[in-house]
Amino acid sequence: MSDFNVIAVVDMVLDCTKLPNNARTSRLREEIICCDNALGVGGTVEQLEKAVKDYYQYYLNCNNHAIAQNKAKVDMVHSPSYYKLRGLDIESVDVIRSVLSDEEYKGWCKGNALKYLFRAGKKDDEVQDLSKCSVYLKWLTDKLTNLCK
């Protein structure tokens, strides 16, 4: 057995609350504890290192999966987080829409639609750029429809 509790050190270094509470997490943690307890009585440092590395790789995989899921939830076309005003649940487009005159707003929509059409596939994903172009055209169409009523 080592002079310190290896699983306690691992818990201090990693935020284990991010790991799922499942059989695999329990099994990997138990493997570290068993290897730690076996040191000096037939267990090797290499076995303990492997158990810690396996647990750490599992931790990284879980975190990468969680990050990917969060990114998938972000709507990069209709509501990208970087257009939200800090501390408010409002997007910059809402401020722009309320500050510009109808003509200025229509011009802003046309200009941005053209921007995304011209850059389609050159900076971001082509489908994403064309979808953004479509959003500006929809806002322009909505504004024109409301002005004609």
C-alpha atoms as a PDB file:
ATOM      1  CA  MET A   1       0.000   0.000   0.000  1.00  0.00           C
ATOM      2  CA  SER A   2       1.331   3.459  -0.864  1.00  0.00           C
ATOM      3  CA  ASP A   3       2.035   6.175   1.710  1.00  0.00           C
ATOM      4  CA  PHE A   4      -0.930   8.181   0.421  1.00  0.00           C
ATOM      5  CA  ASN A   5      -4.390   7.351  -0.808  1.00  0.00           C
ATOM      6  CA  VAL A   6      -4.123   7.453  -4.602  1.00  0.00           C
ATOM      7  CA  ILE A   7      -7.877   7.692  -5.236  1.00  0.00           C
ATOM      8  CA  ALA A   8      -8.041  10.708  -2.882  1.00  0.00           C
ATOM      9  CA  VAL A   9      -5.284  12.401  -4.897  1.00  0.00           C
ATOM     10  CA  VAL A  10      -7.097  11.593  -8.142  1.00  0.00           C
ATOM     11  CA  ASP A  11     -10.285  13.100  -6.705  1.00  0.00           C
ATOM     12  CA  MET A  12      -8.391  16.275  -5.759  1.00  0.00           C
ATOM     13  CA  VAL A  13      -6.981  16.643  -9.261  1.00  0.00           C
ATOM     14  CA  LEU A  14     -10.060  15.705 -11.300  1.00  0.00           C
ATOM     15  CA  ASP A  15     -13.585  17.032 -10.937  1.00  0.00           C
ATOM     16  CA  CYS A  16     -15.122  13.594 -10.590  1.00  0.00           C
ATOM     17  CA  THR A  17     -18.606  15.075 -10.209  1.00  0.00           C
ATOM     18  CA  LYS A  18     -18.556  15.349 -14.013  1.00  0.00           C
ATOM     19  CA  LEU A  19     -18.386  11.574 -14.365  1.00  0.00           C
ATOM     20  CA  PRO A  20     -21.530   9.511 -14.711  1.00  0.00           C
ATOM     21  CA  ASN A  21     -22.564   7.527 -11.665  1.00  0.00           C
ATOM     22  CA  ASN A  22     -22.444   4.161 -13.374  1.00  0.00           C
ATOM     23  CA  ALA A  23     -20.812   0.721 -13.199  1.00  0.00           C
ATOM     24  CA  ARG A  24     -17.869   1.701 -15.392  1.00  0.00           C
ATOM     25  CA  THR A  25     -16.939   4.660 -13.204  1.00  0.00           C
ATOM     26  CA  SER A  26     -17.206   2.447 -10.112  1.00  0.00           C
ATOM     27  CA  ARG A  27     -15.145  -0.333 -11.711  1.00  0.00           C
ATOM     28  CA  LEU A  28     -12.347   2.040 -12.757  1.00  0.00           C
ATOM     29  CA  ARG A  29     -12.238   3.642  -9.314  1.00  0.00           C
ATOM     30  CA  GLU A  30     -12.183   0.229  -7.640  1.00  0.00           C
ATOM     31  CA  GLU A  31      -9.307  -0.816  -9.892  1.00  0.00           C
ATOM     32  CA  ILE A  32      -7.233   2.140  -8.634  1.00  0.00           C
ATOM     33  CA  ILE A  33      -8.072   1.314  -5.009  1.00  0.00           C
ATOM     34  CA  CYS A  34      -7.209  -2.386  -5.477  1.00  0.00           C
ATOM     35  CA  CYS A  35      -3.898  -1.603  -7.205  1.00  0.00           C
ATOM     36  CA  ASP A  36      -3.053   0.948  -4.510  1.00  0.00           C
ATOM     37  CA  ASN A  37      -3.818  -1.567  -1.741  1.00  0.00           C
ATOM     38  CA  ALA A  38      -1.825  -4.277  -3.544  1.00  0.00           C
ATOM     39  CA  LEU A  39       1.402  -2.263  -3.654  1.00  0.00           C
ATOM     40  CA  GLY A  40       4.005  -4.076  -1.602  1.00  0.00           C
ATOM     41  CA  VAL A  41       2.016  -7.309  -1.533  1.00  0.00           C
ATOM     42  CA  GLY A  42       2.419  -8.411  -5.121  1.00  0.00           C
ATOM     43  CA  GLY A  43       1.023  -5.358  -6.877  1.00  0.00           C
ATOM     44  CA  THR A  44       3.277  -3.141  -8.989  1.00  0.00           C
ATOM     45  CA  VAL A  45       3.551   0.579  -9.562  1.00  0.00           C
ATOM     46  CA  GLU A  46       3.004  -0.118 -13.259  1.00  0.00           C
ATOM     47  CA  GLN A  47      -0.393  -1.699 -12.501  1.00  0.00           C
ATOM     48  CA  LEU A  48      -1.368   1.325 -10.429  1.00  0.00           C
ATOM     49  CA  GLU A  49      -0.168   3.702 -13.159  1.00  0.00           C
ATOM     50  CA  LYS A  50      -2.235   1.814 -15.747  1.00  0.00           C
ATOM     51  CA  ALA A  51      -5.337   1.959 -13.533  1.00  0.00           C
ATOM     52  CA  VAL A  52      -4.917   5.718 -13.021  1.00  0.00           C
ATOM     53  CA  LYS A  53      -4.274   6.288 -16.741  1.00  0.00           C
ATOM     54  CA  ASP A  54      -7.376   4.261 -17.676  1.00  0.00           C
ATOM     55  CA  TYR A  55      -9.480   6.300 -15.253  1.00  0.00           C
ATOM     56  CA  TYR A  56      -8.025   9.567 -16.548  1.00  0.00           C
ATOM     57  CA  GLN A  57      -8.688   8.585 -20.176  1.00  0.00           C
ATOM     58  CA  TYR A  58     -12.263   7.722 -19.234  1.00  0.00           C
ATOM     59  CA  TYR A  59     -12.562  11.130 -17.519  1.00  0.00           C
ATOM     60  CA  LEU A  60     -11.308  12.894 -20.667  1.00  0.00           C
ATOM     61  CA  ASN A  61     -13.681  10.922 -22.892  1.00  0.00           C
ATOM     62  CA  CYS A  62     -16.661  11.788 -20.674  1.00  0.00           C
ATOM     63  CA  ASN A  63     -15.735  15.471 -20.641  1.00  0.00           C
ATOM     64  CA  ASN A  64     -15.190  15.566 -24.409  1.00  0.00           C
ATOM     65  CA  HIS A  65     -18.589  13.930 -24.908  1.00  0.00           C
ATOM     66  CA  ALA A  66     -20.232  16.490 -22.601  1.00  0.00           C
ATOM     67  CA  ILE A  67     -18.541  19.357 -24.456  1.00  0.00           C
ATOM     68  CA  ALA A  68     -19.696  17.974 -27.802  1.00  0.00           C
ATOM     69  CA  GLN A  69     -23.269  17.650 -26.516  1.00  0.00           C
ATOM     70  CA  ASN A  70     -23.249  21.245 -25.282  1.00  0.00           C
ATOM     71  CA  LYS A  71     -21.919  22.498 -28.601  1.00  0.00           C
ATOM     72  CA  ALA A  72     -24.639  20.571 -30.400  1.00  0.00           C
ATOM     73  CA  LYS A  73     -27.264  22.356 -28.295  1.00  0.00           C
ATOM     74  CA  VAL A  74     -26.028  25.802 -29.383  1.00  0.00           C
ATOM     75  CA  ASP A  75     -27.926  27.066 -32.421  1.00  0.00           C
ATOM     76  CA  MET A  76     -25.177  28.787 -34.400  1.00  0.00           C
ATOM     77  CA  VAL A  77     -27.678  30.074 -36.975  1.00  0.00           C
ATOM     78  CA  HIS A  78     -30.607  31.431 -34.979  1.00  0.00           C
ATOM     79  CA  SER A  79     -29.134  32.164 -31.552  1.00  0.00           C
ATOM     80  CA  PRO A  80     -25.347  32.031 -31.199  1.00  0.00           C
ATOM     81  CA  SER A  81     -24.313  32.798 -27.631  1.00  0.00           C
ATOM     82  CA  TYR A  82     -21.820  35.473 -28.661  1.00  0.00           C
ATOM     83  CA  TYR A  83     -24.687  37.711 -29.840  1.00  0.00           C
ATOM     84  CA  LYS A  84     -26.413  37.639 -26.436  1.00  0.00           C
ATOM     85  CA  LEU A  85     -25.888  40.803 -24.428  1.00  0.00           C
ATOM     86  CA  ARG A  86     -24.063  40.043 -21.197  1.00  0.00           C
ATOM     87  CA  GLY A  87     -26.340  39.789 -18.192  1.00  0.00           C
ATOM     88  CA  LEU A  88     -29.476  40.094 -20.326  1.00  0.00           C
ATOM     89  CA  ASP A  89     -31.525  37.529 -22.168  1.00  0.00           C
ATOM     90  CA  ILE A  90     -31.577  39.653 -25.291  1.00  0.00           C
ATOM     91  CA  GLU A  91     -29.710  39.409 -28.562  1.00  0.00           C
ATOM     92  CA  SER A  92     -27.983  42.266 -30.308  1.00  0.00           C
ATOM     93  CA  VAL A  93     -30.385  41.918 -33.262  1.00  0.00           C
ATOM     94  CA  ASP A  94     -33.260  42.921 -30.986  1.00  0.00           C
ATOM     95  CA  VAL A  95     -31.455  46.127 -30.038  1.00  0.00           C
ATOM     96  CA  ILE A  96     -30.536  46.809 -33.678  1.00  0.00           C
ATOM     97  CA  ARG A  97     -34.138  46.234 -34.778  1.00  0.00           C
ATOM     98  CA  SER A  98     -35.440  48.689 -32.203  1.00  0.00           C
ATOM     99  CA  VAL A  99     -32.820  51.396 -32.860  1.00  0.00           C
ATOM    100  CA  LEU A 100     -32.791  51.480 -36.672  1.00  0.00           C
ATOM    101  CA  SER A 101     -35.515  52.991 -38.808  1.00  0.00           C
ATOM    102  CA  ASP A 102     -37.464  50.595 -41.030  1.00  0.00           C
ATOM    103  CA  GLU A 103     -35.354  51.522 -44.063  1.00  0.00           C
ATOM    104  CA  GLU A 104     -32.090  51.202 -42.141  1.00  0.00           C
ATOM    105  CA  TYR A 105     -33.159  47.819 -40.758  1.00  0.00           C
ATOM    106  CA  LYS A 106     -34.096  46.542 -44.223  1.00  0.00           C
ATOM    107  CA  GLY A 107     -30.685  47.662 -45.534  1.00  0.00           C
ATOM    108  CA  TRP A 108     -28.947  45.975 -42.599  1.00  0.00           C
ATOM    109  CA  CYS A 109     -30.789  42.709 -43.332  1.00  0.00           C
ATOM    110  CA  LYS A 110     -29.953  42.905 -47.054  1.00  0.00           C
ATOM    111  CA  GLY A 111     -26.288  43.638 -46.345  1.00  0.00           C
ATOM    112  CA  ASN A 112     -25.924  40.765 -43.913  1.00  0.00           C
ATOM    113  CA  ALA A 113     -27.748  38.357 -46.233  1.00  0.00           C
ATOM    114  CA  LEU A 114     -25.290  39.298 -48.994  1.00  0.00           C
ATOM    115  CA  LYS A 115     -22.334  38.943 -46.612  1.00  0.00           C
ATOM    116  CA  TYR A 116     -23.273  35.352 -45.712  1.00  0.00           C
ATOM    117  CA  LEU A 117     -24.050  34.522 -49.335  1.00  0.00           C
ATOM    118  CA  PHE A 118     -20.654  35.810 -50.501  1.00  0.00           C
ATOM    119  CA  ARG A 119     -18.660  34.050 -47.799  1.00  0.00           C
ATOM    120  CA  ALA A 120     -20.593  30.761 -47.953  1.00  0.00           C
ATOM    121  CA  GLY A 121     -18.140  27.940 -47.428  1.00  0.00           C
ATOM    122  CA  LYS A 122     -15.097  30.196 -47.167  1.00  0.00           C
ATOM    123  CA  LYS A 123     -15.063  30.872 -43.409  1.00  0.00           C
ATOM    124  CA  ASP A 124     -17.535  28.613 -41.633  1.00  0.00           C
ATOM    125  CA  ASP A 125     -19.563  25.648 -42.790  1.00  0.00           C
ATOM    126  CA  GLU A 126     -21.254  26.437 -46.121  1.00  0.00           C
ATOM    127  CA  VAL A 127     -24.653  25.190 -44.989  1.00  0.00           C
ATOM    128  CA  GLN A 128     -24.371  27.299 -41.816  1.00  0.00           C
ATOM    129  CA  ASP A 129     -23.509  30.420 -43.837  1.00  0.00           C
ATOM    130  CA  LEU A 130     -26.400  29.857 -46.242  1.00  0.00           C
ATOM    131  CA  SER A 131     -28.729  29.231 -43.303  1.00  0.00           C
ATOM    132  CA  LYS A 132     -27.641  32.551 -41.761  1.00  0.00           C
ATOM    133  CA  CYS A 133     -28.269  34.247 -45.118  1.00  0.00           C
ATOM    134  CA  SER A 134     -31.741  32.713 -45.044  1.00  0.00           C
ATOM    135  CA  VAL A 135     -32.372  34.089 -41.525  1.00  0.00           C
ATOM    136  CA  TYR A 136     -31.598  37.647 -42.669  1.00  0.00           C
ATOM    137  CA  LEU A 137     -33.831  37.217 -45.724  1.00  0.00           C
ATOM    138  CA  LYS A 138     -36.626  35.963 -43.462  1.00  0.00           C
ATOM    139  CA  TRP A 139     -36.248  38.994 -41.180  1.00  0.00           C
ATOM    140  CA  LEU A 140     -36.310  41.251 -44.243  1.00  0.00           C
ATOM    141  CA  THR A 141     -39.394  39.492 -45.605  1.00  0.00           C
ATOM    142  CA  ASP A 142     -41.116  39.732 -42.212  1.00  0.00           C
ATOM    143  CA  LYS A 143     -40.365  43.468 -42.043  1.00  0.00           C
ATOM    144  CA  LEU A 144     -41.654  44.037 -45.595  1.00  0.00           C
ATOM    145  CA  THR A 145     -44.784  42.027 -44.867  1.00  0.00           C
ATOM    146  CA  ASN A 146     -45.484  44.023 -41.704  1.00  0.00           C
ATOM    147  CA  LEU A 147     -44.925  47.334 -43.519  1.00  0.00           C
ATOM    148  CA  CYS A 148     -47.460  46.382 -46.202  1.00  0.00           C
ATOM    149  CA  LYS A 149     -50.233  45.693 -43.677  1.00  0.00           C
END
